[in-house]
Protein backbone atom coordinates (compact mmCIF):
# COMPACT_ATOMS: atom_id res chain seq x y z
CA MET A 1 -7.74 37.70 1.36
CA ALA A 2 -5.72 40.87 1.79
CA ASN A 3 -5.85 43.49 4.52
CA ASN A 4 -6.34 47.13 3.65
CA GLU A 5 -2.75 48.08 4.47
CA SER A 6 -1.42 45.77 1.76
CA VAL A 7 -3.76 47.13 -0.93
CA ILE A 8 -2.18 49.74 -3.24
CA PHE A 9 -4.32 51.68 -5.73
CA ASN A 10 -2.31 52.33 -8.90
CA PRO A 11 -2.68 55.44 -11.14
CA ASN A 12 -3.90 53.30 -14.08
CA GLY A 13 -6.87 52.05 -12.07
CA THR A 14 -5.49 48.61 -11.22
CA ILE A 15 -4.83 47.52 -7.65
CA THR A 16 -1.76 45.75 -6.28
CA LEU A 17 -2.53 43.29 -3.48
CA PRO A 18 -1.48 39.86 -2.20
CA ILE A 19 -2.81 36.87 -4.14
CA ALA A 20 -1.97 33.30 -3.08
CA GLY A 21 0.88 34.43 -0.87
CA SER A 22 2.59 36.71 -3.40
CA VAL A 23 2.05 40.12 -5.02
CA GLY A 24 -0.77 40.11 -7.51
CA LEU A 25 -2.82 42.53 -9.56
CA PHE A 26 -6.53 43.26 -9.34
CA ILE A 27 -8.22 44.62 -12.46
CA PRO A 28 -11.59 46.28 -11.88
CA THR A 29 -14.13 45.06 -14.43
CA ASP A 30 -17.84 44.67 -14.92
CA GLY A 31 -19.35 41.22 -14.48
CA LEU A 32 -18.39 38.44 -12.08
CA THR A 33 -15.62 38.85 -9.53
CA GLY A 34 -13.02 36.11 -9.65
CA LEU A 35 -9.40 34.99 -9.72
CA ASN A 36 -7.02 33.87 -12.45
CA ARG A 37 -4.40 31.73 -10.76
CA ASP A 38 -2.41 31.18 -13.95
CA ASN A 39 -1.17 34.78 -14.03
CA ASN A 40 -1.85 35.74 -10.40
CA THR A 41 -4.51 38.32 -11.21
CA ALA A 42 -8.01 38.97 -9.96
CA TYR A 43 -10.88 40.89 -11.56
CA GLY A 44 -14.32 42.28 -10.93
CA ASN A 45 -15.48 44.26 -7.89
CA ILE A 46 -12.76 45.00 -5.35
CA THR A 47 -15.22 45.10 -2.46
CA LEU A 48 -16.42 41.58 -3.22
CA TYR A 49 -12.88 40.32 -3.70
CA LEU A 50 -11.75 41.69 -0.31
CA ASN A 51 -14.96 40.51 1.36
CA PRO A 52 -15.76 37.09 -0.13
CA GLU A 53 -18.45 36.50 2.51
CA LEU A 54 -20.58 38.77 0.31
CA CYS A 55 -20.23 36.46 -2.66
CA ASN A 56 -22.94 34.41 -4.30
CA ILE A 57 -23.12 32.76 -7.70
CA SER A 58 -24.75 35.79 -9.26
CA VAL A 59 -21.86 38.18 -8.48
CA CYS A 60 -18.77 35.93 -8.05
CA ASP A 61 -17.41 33.02 -10.05
CA LEU A 62 -16.36 29.74 -8.46
CA THR A 63 -12.66 30.62 -8.33
CA LEU A 64 -13.52 32.42 -5.09
CA ALA A 65 -15.40 29.41 -3.72
CA HIS A 66 -13.85 26.45 -1.89
CA PHE A 67 -14.01 24.40 -5.12
CA ASP A 68 -13.97 25.35 -8.78
CA TYR A 69 -17.17 23.34 -9.08
CA ILE A 70 -20.51 23.01 -7.31
CA PRO A 71 -20.63 19.60 -5.54
CA ASN A 72 -23.01 17.18 -7.21
CA LEU A 73 -26.16 16.83 -5.09
CA ALA A 74 -27.20 13.37 -6.36
CA GLY A 75 -23.78 11.75 -5.93
CA ASN A 76 -23.12 13.19 -2.49
CA SER A 77 -26.62 12.36 -1.31
CA LEU A 78 -26.15 8.75 -2.52
CA TYR A 79 -22.94 8.36 -0.55
CA THR A 80 -24.60 9.87 2.52
CA ALA A 81 -27.45 7.37 2.26
CA ILE A 82 -25.12 4.35 1.75
CA PHE A 83 -22.89 5.19 4.71
CA GLY A 84 -25.97 5.98 6.80
CA LEU A 85 -27.47 2.54 6.09
CA TYR A 86 -24.17 0.89 6.95
CA ILE A 87 -24.27 2.60 10.35
CA PHE A 88 -27.46 0.76 11.24
CA ALA A 89 -26.15 -2.51 9.75
CA ASN A 90 -22.98 -2.33 11.87
CA ILE A 91 -24.94 -1.51 15.02
CA TYR A 92 -27.08 -4.58 14.47
CA LEU A 93 -24.14 -6.87 13.59
CA GLY A 94 -21.95 -5.47 16.35
CA PHE A 95 -24.50 -6.13 19.10
CA ARG A 96 -25.52 -9.49 17.63
CA HIS A 97 -21.95 -10.82 17.49
CA ARG A 98 -20.45 -8.69 20.31
CA THR A 99 -17.70 -7.28 18.13
CA TRP A 100 -17.40 -4.17 20.28
CA GLY A 101 -14.04 -2.80 19.16
CA TYR A 102 -14.75 -3.46 15.50
CA MET A 103 -18.21 -1.92 15.80
CA ALA A 104 -16.83 1.21 17.49
CA ALA A 105 -14.24 1.71 14.75
CA MET A 106 -16.79 1.20 11.97
CA LEU A 107 -19.35 3.51 13.57
CA LEU A 108 -16.85 6.32 14.05
CA GLY A 109 -15.68 5.99 10.45
CA LEU A 110 -19.16 5.76 8.96
CA THR A 111 -20.46 8.65 11.05
CA GLY A 112 -17.52 10.73 9.83
CA GLU A 113 -18.39 9.86 6.24
CA VAL A 114 -22.05 10.85 6.69
CA ILE A 115 -21.12 14.16 8.37
CA GLY A 116 -18.51 14.89 5.67
CA TYR A 117 -20.94 14.34 2.80
CA ILE A 118 -23.58 16.41 4.55
CA GLY A 119 -20.93 19.13 4.55
CA ARG A 120 -20.56 18.76 0.79
CA ILE A 121 -24.35 18.95 0.36
CA LEU A 122 -24.28 22.21 2.33
CA LEU A 123 -21.54 23.45 0.00
CA TRP A 124 -23.83 22.59 -2.91
CA GLN A 125 -26.36 24.97 -1.39
CA ASN A 126 -23.74 27.70 -0.95
CA PRO A 127 -20.33 26.98 -2.52
CA PHE A 128 -18.89 30.23 -1.11
CA ASP A 129 -19.69 29.22 2.51
CA PRO A 130 -19.02 32.62 4.18
CA THR A 131 -18.68 31.11 7.68
CA GLY A 132 -16.27 28.39 6.58
CA ASN A 133 -18.13 25.92 8.82
CA ASP A 134 -19.46 23.75 5.98
CA PHE A 135 -16.00 23.41 4.47
CA LEU A 136 -14.62 22.55 7.94
CA ILE A 137 -17.31 19.84 8.34
CA TYR A 138 -16.43 18.35 4.93
CA LEU A 139 -12.66 18.60 5.19
CA VAL A 140 -12.05 17.28 8.70
CA SER A 141 -14.72 14.55 8.64
CA LEU A 142 -13.83 13.00 5.26
CA THR A 143 -10.11 13.32 5.97
CA ILE A 144 -10.05 11.43 9.25
CA ALA A 145 -12.92 8.94 8.79
CA PRO A 146 -10.93 6.28 6.83
CA ALA A 147 -8.45 6.06 9.70
CA PHE A 148 -11.17 4.33 11.70
CA PHE A 149 -11.79 1.84 8.88
CA SER A 150 -8.07 1.05 8.95
CA ALA A 151 -8.34 0.44 12.68
CA ALA A 152 -11.20 -2.02 12.10
CA VAL A 153 -9.03 -3.90 9.62
CA TYR A 154 -6.09 -3.95 12.04
CA LEU A 155 -8.27 -5.45 14.79
CA CYS A 156 -9.14 -8.32 12.44
CA LEU A 157 -5.51 -9.19 11.73
CA ALA A 158 -4.76 -9.93 15.37
CA ARG A 159 -7.62 -12.45 15.54
CA ILE A 160 -6.69 -14.00 12.20
CA VAL A 161 -3.25 -14.71 13.63
CA VAL A 162 -4.87 -16.40 16.65
CA VAL A 163 -7.05 -18.55 14.36
CA TYR A 164 -4.14 -19.88 12.32
CA GLY A 165 -1.73 -20.12 15.23
CA GLN A 166 0.20 -17.49 17.16
CA HIS A 167 3.30 -19.67 17.10
CA LEU A 168 3.54 -19.08 13.32
CA SER A 169 3.57 -15.30 13.61
CA PHE A 170 6.68 -13.14 13.93
CA PHE A 171 4.74 -10.81 16.25
CA LYS A 172 2.23 -11.55 18.98
CA PRO A 173 -1.37 -10.56 18.12
CA ARG A 174 -1.40 -7.65 20.57
CA THR A 175 1.78 -6.29 18.96
CA TYR A 176 0.07 -5.97 15.59
CA THR A 177 -2.80 -4.09 17.20
CA LEU A 178 -0.55 -1.78 19.24
CA ILE A 179 1.68 -0.94 16.27
CA PHE A 180 -0.99 -0.27 13.68
CA CYS A 181 -3.64 1.31 15.90
CA GLY A 182 -0.88 3.51 17.33
CA CYS A 183 0.09 4.62 13.79
CA ASP A 184 -3.58 5.16 13.04
CA LEU A 185 -4.07 7.35 16.09
CA PHE A 186 -1.00 9.42 15.24
CA SER A 187 -2.21 9.81 11.65
CA LEU A 188 -5.70 10.77 12.84
CA VAL A 189 -4.40 13.47 15.19
CA LEU A 190 -2.23 15.03 12.45
CA GLN A 191 -5.07 15.03 9.92
CA ALA A 192 -7.55 16.55 12.37
CA LEU A 193 -5.05 19.20 13.48
CA GLY A 194 -4.14 20.07 9.90
CA GLY A 195 -7.77 20.22 8.87
CA GLY A 196 -8.64 22.57 11.71
CA ILE A 197 -5.72 24.89 10.94
CA THR A 198 -6.45 24.97 7.22
CA SER A 199 -10.19 25.54 7.46
CA ASN A 200 -9.67 28.50 9.81
CA ALA A 201 -6.64 29.95 8.03
CA SER A 202 -6.80 33.67 7.39
CA THR A 203 -3.57 33.80 5.38
CA TYR A 204 -2.11 31.78 2.52
CA ALA A 205 0.89 30.77 4.67
CA LYS A 206 -1.38 29.44 7.42
CA GLU A 207 -3.40 27.48 4.90
CA GLN A 208 -0.26 25.89 3.51
CA GLN A 209 0.88 24.98 7.02
CA GLY A 210 -2.38 23.16 7.63
CA ILE A 211 -2.13 21.35 4.28
CA HIS A 212 1.38 20.15 5.10
CA ILE A 213 0.23 18.77 8.45
CA ILE A 214 -2.67 16.94 6.74
CA LEU A 215 -0.22 15.54 4.23
CA ALA A 216 2.00 14.32 7.05
CA GLY A 217 -0.99 12.51 8.58
CA LEU A 218 -2.08 11.00 5.29
CA SER A 219 1.49 9.92 4.50
CA THR A 220 1.66 8.22 7.88
CA GLN A 221 -1.53 6.37 7.05
CA VAL A 222 -0.19 5.29 3.65
CA ALA A 223 3.06 4.07 5.24
CA SER A 224 1.09 2.19 7.92
CA LEU A 225 -1.03 0.45 5.28
CA VAL A 226 2.08 -0.52 3.30
CA LEU A 227 3.71 -1.96 6.45
CA PHE A 228 0.46 -3.77 7.26
CA ALA A 229 0.38 -5.33 3.77
CA VAL A 230 4.01 -6.39 4.11
CA LEU A 231 3.44 -8.06 7.48
CA CYS A 232 0.26 -9.74 6.21
CA ALA A 233 2.20 -11.10 3.24
CA GLU A 234 4.98 -12.27 5.58
CA PHE A 235 2.49 -14.11 7.78
CA ALA A 236 0.79 -15.65 4.73
CA LEU A 237 4.18 -16.86 3.51
CA ARG A 238 4.83 -18.48 6.89
CA LEU A 239 1.49 -20.27 6.65
CA ARG A 240 2.25 -21.49 3.15
CA ARG A 241 5.64 -22.82 4.19
CA ASN A 242 4.24 -24.58 7.27
CA PRO A 243 0.85 -26.03 6.25
CA THR A 244 1.04 -28.82 8.83
CA ALA A 245 1.76 -26.45 11.73
CA TRP A 246 -1.55 -24.54 11.54
CA SER A 247 -3.59 -24.59 14.72
CA LYS A 248 -6.09 -27.46 14.70
CA GLU A 249 -8.43 -25.72 17.12
CA HIS A 250 -10.09 -23.59 14.40
CA ALA A 251 -9.44 -25.82 11.38
CA ALA A 252 -13.13 -25.93 10.46
CA LEU A 253 -13.21 -22.13 10.54
CA TYR A 254 -10.21 -21.32 8.35
CA ASN A 255 -11.17 -24.03 5.88
CA SER A 256 -14.67 -22.65 5.40
CA ARG A 257 -15.64 -20.73 2.25
CA LEU A 258 -17.12 -17.93 4.35
CA PHE A 259 -13.87 -17.28 6.17
CA LYS A 260 -11.89 -17.36 2.95
CA ALA A 261 -14.36 -14.87 1.45
CA PHE A 262 -13.87 -12.69 4.54
CA LEU A 263 -10.09 -12.70 4.00
CA CYS A 264 -10.57 -11.69 0.36
CA GLY A 265 -12.96 -8.93 1.40
CA LEU A 266 -10.54 -7.69 4.04
CA SER A 267 -7.76 -7.57 1.41
CA LEU A 268 -9.97 -5.65 -1.02
CA ALA A 269 -11.01 -3.20 1.70
CA THR A 270 -7.37 -2.58 2.60
CA LEU A 271 -6.50 -1.99 -1.03
CA CYS A 272 -9.37 0.48 -1.46
CA ILE A 273 -8.40 2.41 1.68
CA PHE A 274 -4.83 2.50 0.41
CA VAL A 275 -5.88 3.82 -3.03
CA ARG A 276 -8.02 6.47 -1.38
CA SER A 277 -5.17 7.56 0.92
CA VAL A 278 -2.68 7.80 -1.93
CA PHE A 279 -5.20 9.84 -3.93
CA ARG A 280 -5.69 12.28 -1.04
CA VAL A 281 -1.90 12.71 -0.73
CA ALA A 282 -1.66 13.48 -4.45
CA GLU A 283 -4.75 15.73 -4.29
CA LEU A 284 -3.52 17.86 -1.39
CA SER A 285 0.04 18.01 -2.70
CA GLY A 286 -1.30 20.46 -5.28
CA GLY A 287 -3.16 22.49 -2.65
CA PHE A 288 -6.88 23.17 -2.41
CA HIS A 289 -6.80 24.88 -5.80
CA GLY A 290 -4.77 22.28 -7.62
CA PRO A 291 -6.19 20.28 -10.54
CA LEU A 292 -6.98 17.14 -8.52
CA ALA A 293 -8.61 19.06 -5.70
CA ASN A 294 -10.97 20.63 -8.22
CA ASN A 295 -11.84 17.51 -10.18
CA GLU A 296 -15.06 16.15 -8.69
CA VAL A 297 -15.09 13.03 -10.87
CA SER A 298 -11.73 11.94 -9.45
CA PHE A 299 -12.93 12.70 -5.94
CA MET A 300 -16.18 10.79 -6.28
CA ILE A 301 -14.39 7.73 -7.65
CA LEU A 302 -11.08 7.62 -5.78
CA GLU A 303 -12.47 8.92 -2.48
CA GLY A 304 -16.17 8.10 -2.33
CA ALA A 305 -16.42 4.95 -4.44
CA MET A 306 -13.26 3.44 -2.93
CA LEU A 307 -14.66 3.81 0.58
CA VAL A 308 -18.08 2.52 -0.47
CA VAL A 309 -16.36 -0.66 -1.71
CA ALA A 310 -14.22 -0.88 1.43
CA THR A 311 -17.12 -0.42 3.85
CA SER A 312 -19.28 -2.81 1.82
CA CYS A 313 -16.65 -5.51 2.28
CA LEU A 314 -16.29 -4.69 5.99
CA THR A 315 -20.08 -4.78 6.45
CA PHE A 316 -21.34 -7.60 4.22
CA LEU A 317 -18.36 -9.78 5.13
CA HIS A 318 -18.58 -8.81 8.77
CA PRO A 319 -16.05 -10.61 11.00
CA GLY A 320 -18.76 -11.49 13.51
CA VAL A 321 -20.45 -13.52 10.77
CA ALA A 322 -17.28 -14.77 9.10
CA PHE A 323 -15.76 -16.03 12.37
CA GLN A 324 -18.93 -18.10 12.91
CA SER A 325 -19.24 -17.43 16.68
CA PHE A 326 -15.47 -17.82 17.17
CA TRP A 327 -14.74 -14.07 17.34
CA GLN A 328 -14.57 -14.15 21.10
CA ASP A 329 -12.59 -17.42 21.11
CA ALA A 330 -10.04 -15.77 18.82
CA ASN A 331 -9.56 -12.93 21.28
CA PHE A 332 -6.13 -12.07 22.59
CA SER A 333 -4.74 -10.43 25.70
CA PHE A 334 -2.74 -7.22 25.88
CA ARG A 335 -1.08 -8.46 29.07
CA THR A 336 0.57 -11.79 29.72
CA ARG A 337 1.91 -13.24 32.93
CA LYS A 338 5.30 -14.86 33.23
CA GLY A 339 5.04 -18.47 32.15
CA ASP A 340 1.84 -18.09 30.14
CA LEU A 341 1.89 -19.93 26.85
CA GLU A 342 -0.13 -17.56 24.69
CA LYS A 343 -3.22 -19.73 24.82
CA SER A 344 -6.52 -18.73 23.30
CA PRO A 345 -9.43 -18.09 25.69
CA ALA A 346 -11.11 -21.23 24.40
CA SER A 347 -8.15 -23.40 25.36
CA THR A 348 -7.86 -21.72 28.75
CA ARG A 349 -11.52 -22.32 29.52
CA GLU A 350 -11.26 -25.95 28.45
CA GLU A 351 -8.24 -26.56 30.75
CA SER A 352 -10.02 -24.78 33.61
CA LEU A 353 -13.01 -27.11 33.28
CA GLN A 354 -10.73 -30.14 33.30
CA GLN A 355 -9.08 -28.86 36.52
CA GLY A 356 -12.47 -28.28 38.11
CA ASP A 357 -12.17 -24.43 38.18
């Protein structure tokens, strides 16, 4: 809030002090202490307003809390339970099918979701959160978690390219992974940094700085997803134009209904992550006290529900199952030697056996 040096007591009983980064007016009144952002005024007890850590719902209204609403316990608990169950499902599937990179990305994302929604449950218990720790848990965890789901999707694309034929792709499989996982990492760092700055901000200017950094990270994620969709569409177009040039090695795999369902699920998951990311950009563009940031229905649908759908696709249509034991065969190398012909591990092993290696 404001420091004592910037508080001016006026002869008429009102108090001039900073509100939301500009000069505002505090009007002492009986009843709840709160803030009217429409006309940049505050009201109630000046001690409570200057020391919001003393607030509770009996003496302050929710305009002094982190949200203008109390988070819904049932909805946030439901999301916590769903993501928690998916953690165990992905551990089982990851070890069973040895999808180590995919499992790591999913577990990091799902763990972030669980921690973030626990933070919202704690905010339900105390929406004013005097320490700021609960808000920090919610903000940082739910902001960065979807970046790991994007990484899981990006890892799948590289192997899909191997299945259909690397010779049909504009980029090598490892290039897709390096580009998109690199963008994801950059986005994640920006979002985490911005979240940390914002949650610990003691001034309005510092809070805005953190929000802008988060927005930069989210915008990077949106741009990365758009580029990903464009390159996927470009590869799909190449496949359509060259149906006879597809790799014969995994023909049974890419012609199976399960693999086609996996591709549809991956597309839906990508769309849901994209919708969620666009929503968060729009939400934070208005600041923490904007209309979208204080509309829980929008948050629960466009944040929570979108990621439940995405993680459901990524779990129930798990690549370890969809690739039907070919996940390892569709692996790719980050390093190639001069003269190598971009062969799959399966082909290399087969040739080695023929040569007696």
